[in-house]
């Protein structure tokens, strides 16, 4: 397993976990993960994890910012993955 693969898996697991944690905190009225941090993690390679977190946890699905930026970050991440794995 290459370092790139480990990074991609790790950042996506982290982004998925953060989406779950933020959803949990929102239901308990506790401290939340900022939207900028969630989107930032997506842009750093965790876009698939964030999208899965949105779908599975039903979290941030109605926010226009997430409806636009998460699919855009998936496209950016795919382009980066393709160039890294060449």
N, C-alpha and C. Protein backbone atom coordinates (compact mmCIF):
# COMPACT_ATOMS: atom_id res chain seq x y z
N UNK A 1 0.85 -1.17 0.00
CA UNK A 1 0.00 0.00 0.00
C UNK A 1 0.90 1.25 0.00
N UNK A 2 0.63 2.17 -0.91
CA UNK A 2 1.48 3.36 -1.02
C UNK A 2 1.06 4.42 0.00
N UNK A 3 1.95 5.38 0.20
CA UNK A 3 1.65 6.48 1.12
C UNK A 3 0.45 7.29 0.63
N UNK A 4 0.31 7.43 -0.68
CA UNK A 4 -0.82 8.18 -1.22
C UNK A 4 -2.14 7.48 -0.91
N UNK A 5 -2.15 6.17 -1.04
CA UNK A 5 -3.36 5.40 -0.74
C UNK A 5 -3.71 5.50 0.74
N UNK A 6 -2.72 5.40 1.60
CA UNK A 6 -2.95 5.52 3.04
C UNK A 6 -3.49 6.91 3.37
N UNK A 7 -2.91 7.93 2.75
CA UNK A 7 -3.39 9.30 2.97
C UNK A 7 -4.85 9.45 2.54
N UNK A 8 -5.17 8.98 1.35
CA UNK A 8 -6.53 9.11 0.82
C UNK A 8 -7.53 8.39 1.72
N UNK A 9 -7.20 7.18 2.14
CA UNK A 9 -8.08 6.44 3.04
C UNK A 9 -8.22 7.15 4.38
N UNK A 10 -7.10 7.61 4.93
CA UNK A 10 -7.11 8.25 6.24
C UNK A 10 -7.89 9.56 6.25
N UNK A 11 -7.68 10.40 5.25
CA UNK A 11 -8.37 11.69 5.21
C UNK A 11 -9.86 11.51 4.98
N UNK A 12 -10.24 10.48 4.23
CA UNK A 12 -11.67 10.22 4.02
C UNK A 12 -12.32 9.63 5.27
N UNK A 13 -11.61 8.78 5.98
CA UNK A 13 -12.14 8.29 7.26
C UNK A 13 -12.29 9.44 8.25
N UNK A 14 -11.32 10.34 8.28
CA UNK A 14 -11.39 11.50 9.17
C UNK A 14 -12.57 12.39 8.81
N UNK A 15 -12.75 12.68 7.54
CA UNK A 15 -13.86 13.56 7.14
C UNK A 15 -15.22 12.91 7.43
N UNK A 16 -15.31 11.60 7.22
CA UNK A 16 -16.55 10.89 7.54
C UNK A 16 -16.83 10.95 9.04
N UNK A 17 -15.80 10.72 9.84
CA UNK A 17 -15.94 10.76 11.30
C UNK A 17 -16.33 12.16 11.78
N UNK A 18 -15.74 13.19 11.19
CA UNK A 18 -16.07 14.56 11.57
C UNK A 18 -17.52 14.90 11.24
N UNK A 19 -18.02 14.41 10.12
CA UNK A 19 -19.43 14.63 9.79
C UNK A 19 -20.34 13.95 10.81
N UNK A 20 -19.98 12.73 11.19
CA UNK A 20 -20.76 12.02 12.20
C UNK A 20 -20.70 12.72 13.55
N UNK A 21 -19.51 13.17 13.93
CA UNK A 21 -19.33 13.86 15.20
C UNK A 21 -20.12 15.17 15.22
N UNK A 22 -20.07 15.92 14.12
CA UNK A 22 -20.78 17.19 14.06
C UNK A 22 -22.29 16.97 14.13
N UNK A 23 -22.77 15.94 13.49
CA UNK A 23 -24.20 15.62 13.55
C UNK A 23 -24.59 15.25 14.99
N UNK A 24 -23.78 14.44 15.63
CA UNK A 24 -24.05 14.07 17.02
C UNK A 24 -24.08 15.32 17.91
N UNK A 25 -23.08 16.18 17.75
CA UNK A 25 -23.01 17.40 18.57
C UNK A 25 -24.19 18.33 18.29
N UNK A 26 -24.67 18.35 17.07
CA UNK A 26 -25.81 19.23 16.75
C UNK A 26 -27.07 18.75 17.46
N UNK A 27 -27.22 17.45 17.62
CA UNK A 27 -28.41 16.94 18.30
C UNK A 27 -28.32 17.13 19.81
N UNK A 28 -27.11 17.23 20.34
CA UNK A 28 -26.90 17.40 21.80
C UNK A 28 -26.65 18.85 22.19
N UNK A 29 -26.71 19.76 21.21
CA UNK A 29 -26.46 21.19 21.46
C UNK A 29 -25.09 21.44 22.07
N UNK A 30 -24.08 20.76 21.54
CA UNK A 30 -22.71 20.89 22.02
C UNK A 30 -21.87 21.63 20.99
N UNK A 31 -20.59 21.82 21.33
CA UNK A 31 -19.64 22.47 20.43
C UNK A 31 -19.64 21.75 19.09
N UNK A 32 -19.58 22.52 18.00
CA UNK A 32 -19.67 21.96 16.65
C UNK A 32 -18.38 22.15 15.88
N UNK A 33 -18.18 21.33 14.88
CA UNK A 33 -17.09 21.48 13.93
C UNK A 33 -17.51 22.57 12.95
N UNK A 34 -16.64 23.52 12.67
CA UNK A 34 -17.03 24.61 11.77
C UNK A 34 -17.22 24.09 10.34
N UNK A 35 -18.11 24.75 9.62
CA UNK A 35 -18.35 24.38 8.23
C UNK A 35 -17.09 24.55 7.39
N UNK A 36 -16.32 25.58 7.68
CA UNK A 36 -15.08 25.80 6.94
C UNK A 36 -14.10 24.65 7.14
N UNK A 37 -14.04 24.10 8.35
CA UNK A 37 -13.16 22.95 8.59
C UNK A 37 -13.65 21.71 7.84
N UNK A 38 -14.96 21.50 7.82
CA UNK A 38 -15.51 20.35 7.09
C UNK A 38 -15.22 20.46 5.59
N UNK A 39 -15.39 21.64 5.05
CA UNK A 39 -15.12 21.85 3.62
C UNK A 39 -13.61 21.79 3.36
N UNK A 40 -12.82 22.32 4.27
CA UNK A 40 -11.36 22.27 4.11
C UNK A 40 -10.84 20.85 4.07
N UNK A 41 -11.34 20.00 4.95
CA UNK A 41 -10.95 18.58 4.94
C UNK A 41 -11.33 17.94 3.61
N UNK A 42 -12.49 18.33 3.09
CA UNK A 42 -12.92 17.80 1.79
C UNK A 42 -11.96 18.19 0.68
N UNK A 43 -11.55 19.45 0.69
CA UNK A 43 -10.64 19.93 -0.35
C UNK A 43 -9.25 19.31 -0.23
N UNK A 44 -8.88 18.90 0.98
CA UNK A 44 -7.58 18.26 1.19
C UNK A 44 -7.57 16.78 0.84
N UNK A 45 -8.69 16.27 0.33
CA UNK A 45 -8.73 14.88 -0.12
C UNK A 45 -9.85 14.06 0.49
N UNK A 46 -10.61 14.63 1.41
CA UNK A 46 -11.65 13.86 2.10
C UNK A 46 -13.04 14.06 1.56
N UNK A 47 -13.16 14.39 0.30
CA UNK A 47 -14.47 14.71 -0.26
C UNK A 47 -15.43 13.52 -0.29
N UNK A 48 -14.92 12.34 -0.57
CA UNK A 48 -15.79 11.15 -0.60
C UNK A 48 -16.31 10.84 0.80
N UNK A 49 -15.44 10.95 1.80
CA UNK A 49 -15.85 10.73 3.19
C UNK A 49 -16.90 11.74 3.63
N UNK A 50 -16.72 12.99 3.21
CA UNK A 50 -17.69 14.03 3.56
C UNK A 50 -19.04 13.75 2.88
N UNK A 51 -19.00 13.38 1.61
CA UNK A 51 -20.24 13.08 0.89
C UNK A 51 -20.96 11.88 1.53
N UNK A 52 -20.20 10.84 1.85
CA UNK A 52 -20.82 9.69 2.51
C UNK A 52 -21.40 10.07 3.88
N UNK A 53 -20.69 10.94 4.60
CA UNK A 53 -21.19 11.42 5.89
C UNK A 53 -22.48 12.22 5.72
N UNK A 54 -22.53 13.03 4.68
CA UNK A 54 -23.76 13.79 4.42
C UNK A 54 -24.93 12.85 4.17
N UNK A 55 -24.69 11.81 3.39
CA UNK A 55 -25.77 10.89 3.01
C UNK A 55 -26.16 10.01 4.20
N UNK A 56 -25.20 9.40 4.84
CA UNK A 56 -25.50 8.44 5.91
C UNK A 56 -26.06 9.12 7.15
N UNK A 57 -25.47 10.27 7.54
CA UNK A 57 -25.91 10.96 8.75
C UNK A 57 -27.01 12.00 8.47
N UNK A 58 -27.39 12.17 7.20
CA UNK A 58 -28.38 13.19 6.82
C UNK A 58 -27.98 14.53 7.40
N UNK A 59 -26.75 14.92 7.14
CA UNK A 59 -26.18 16.11 7.75
C UNK A 59 -25.68 17.08 6.69
N UNK A 60 -26.08 18.33 6.80
CA UNK A 60 -25.67 19.42 5.89
C UNK A 60 -26.19 19.20 4.47
N UNK A 61 -27.20 18.38 4.29
CA UNK A 61 -27.70 18.07 2.95
C UNK A 61 -28.51 19.21 2.34
N UNK A 62 -29.05 20.10 3.16
CA UNK A 62 -29.86 21.20 2.65
C UNK A 62 -29.08 22.51 2.54
N UNK A 63 -27.83 22.49 2.95
CA UNK A 63 -26.99 23.69 2.89
C UNK A 63 -26.46 23.85 1.46
N UNK A 64 -26.76 24.99 0.85
CA UNK A 64 -26.33 25.27 -0.52
C UNK A 64 -24.81 25.19 -0.63
N UNK A 65 -24.12 25.71 0.38
CA UNK A 65 -22.66 25.71 0.38
C UNK A 65 -22.13 24.28 0.20
N UNK A 66 -22.73 23.33 0.90
CA UNK A 66 -22.29 21.94 0.81
C UNK A 66 -22.77 21.28 -0.48
N UNK A 67 -23.94 21.65 -0.95
CA UNK A 67 -24.46 21.09 -2.20
C UNK A 67 -23.57 21.46 -3.39
N UNK A 68 -22.92 22.61 -3.31
CA UNK A 68 -22.06 23.05 -4.41
C UNK A 68 -20.61 22.63 -4.17
N UNK A 69 -20.07 22.91 -2.98
CA UNK A 69 -18.64 22.73 -2.75
C UNK A 69 -18.20 21.27 -2.60
N UNK A 70 -19.04 20.40 -2.08
CA UNK A 70 -18.62 19.01 -1.92
C UNK A 70 -18.50 18.30 -3.28
N UNK A 71 -19.49 18.41 -4.18
CA UNK A 71 -19.28 17.82 -5.51
C UNK A 71 -18.09 18.45 -6.24
N UNK A 72 -17.91 19.75 -6.09
CA UNK A 72 -16.77 20.42 -6.71
C UNK A 72 -15.45 19.88 -6.14
N UNK A 73 -15.42 19.66 -4.83
CA UNK A 73 -14.19 19.12 -4.22
C UNK A 73 -13.95 17.67 -4.66
N UNK A 74 -15.00 16.92 -4.94
CA UNK A 74 -14.83 15.56 -5.47
C UNK A 74 -14.14 15.62 -6.83
N UNK A 75 -14.59 16.54 -7.68
CA UNK A 75 -13.97 16.68 -9.00
C UNK A 75 -12.51 17.08 -8.85
N UNK A 76 -12.23 18.05 -8.00
CA UNK A 76 -10.85 18.49 -7.76
C UNK A 76 -10.01 17.34 -7.24
N UNK A 77 -10.55 16.60 -6.27
CA UNK A 77 -9.82 15.47 -5.69
C UNK A 77 -9.53 14.39 -6.73
N UNK A 78 -10.49 14.10 -7.59
CA UNK A 78 -10.27 13.08 -8.63
C UNK A 78 -9.16 13.52 -9.56
N UNK A 79 -9.17 14.79 -9.95
CA UNK A 79 -8.11 15.29 -10.83
C UNK A 79 -6.74 15.20 -10.15
N UNK A 80 -6.69 15.50 -8.87
CA UNK A 80 -5.43 15.39 -8.13
C UNK A 80 -5.01 13.93 -8.00
N UNK A 81 -5.96 13.04 -7.66
CA UNK A 81 -5.65 11.61 -7.53
C UNK A 81 -5.07 11.05 -8.83
N UNK A 82 -5.67 11.45 -9.96
CA UNK A 82 -5.22 10.97 -11.25
C UNK A 82 -3.77 11.39 -11.50
N UNK A 83 -3.46 12.64 -11.18
CA UNK A 83 -2.08 13.14 -11.38
C UNK A 83 -1.10 12.52 -10.40
N UNK A 84 -1.53 12.25 -9.17
CA UNK A 84 -0.62 11.63 -8.18
C UNK A 84 -0.32 10.19 -8.54
N UNK A 85 -1.33 9.46 -8.97
CA UNK A 85 -1.18 8.03 -9.21
C UNK A 85 -0.59 7.71 -10.57
N UNK A 86 -0.24 8.70 -11.38
CA UNK A 86 0.36 8.45 -12.69
C UNK A 86 1.73 7.84 -12.56
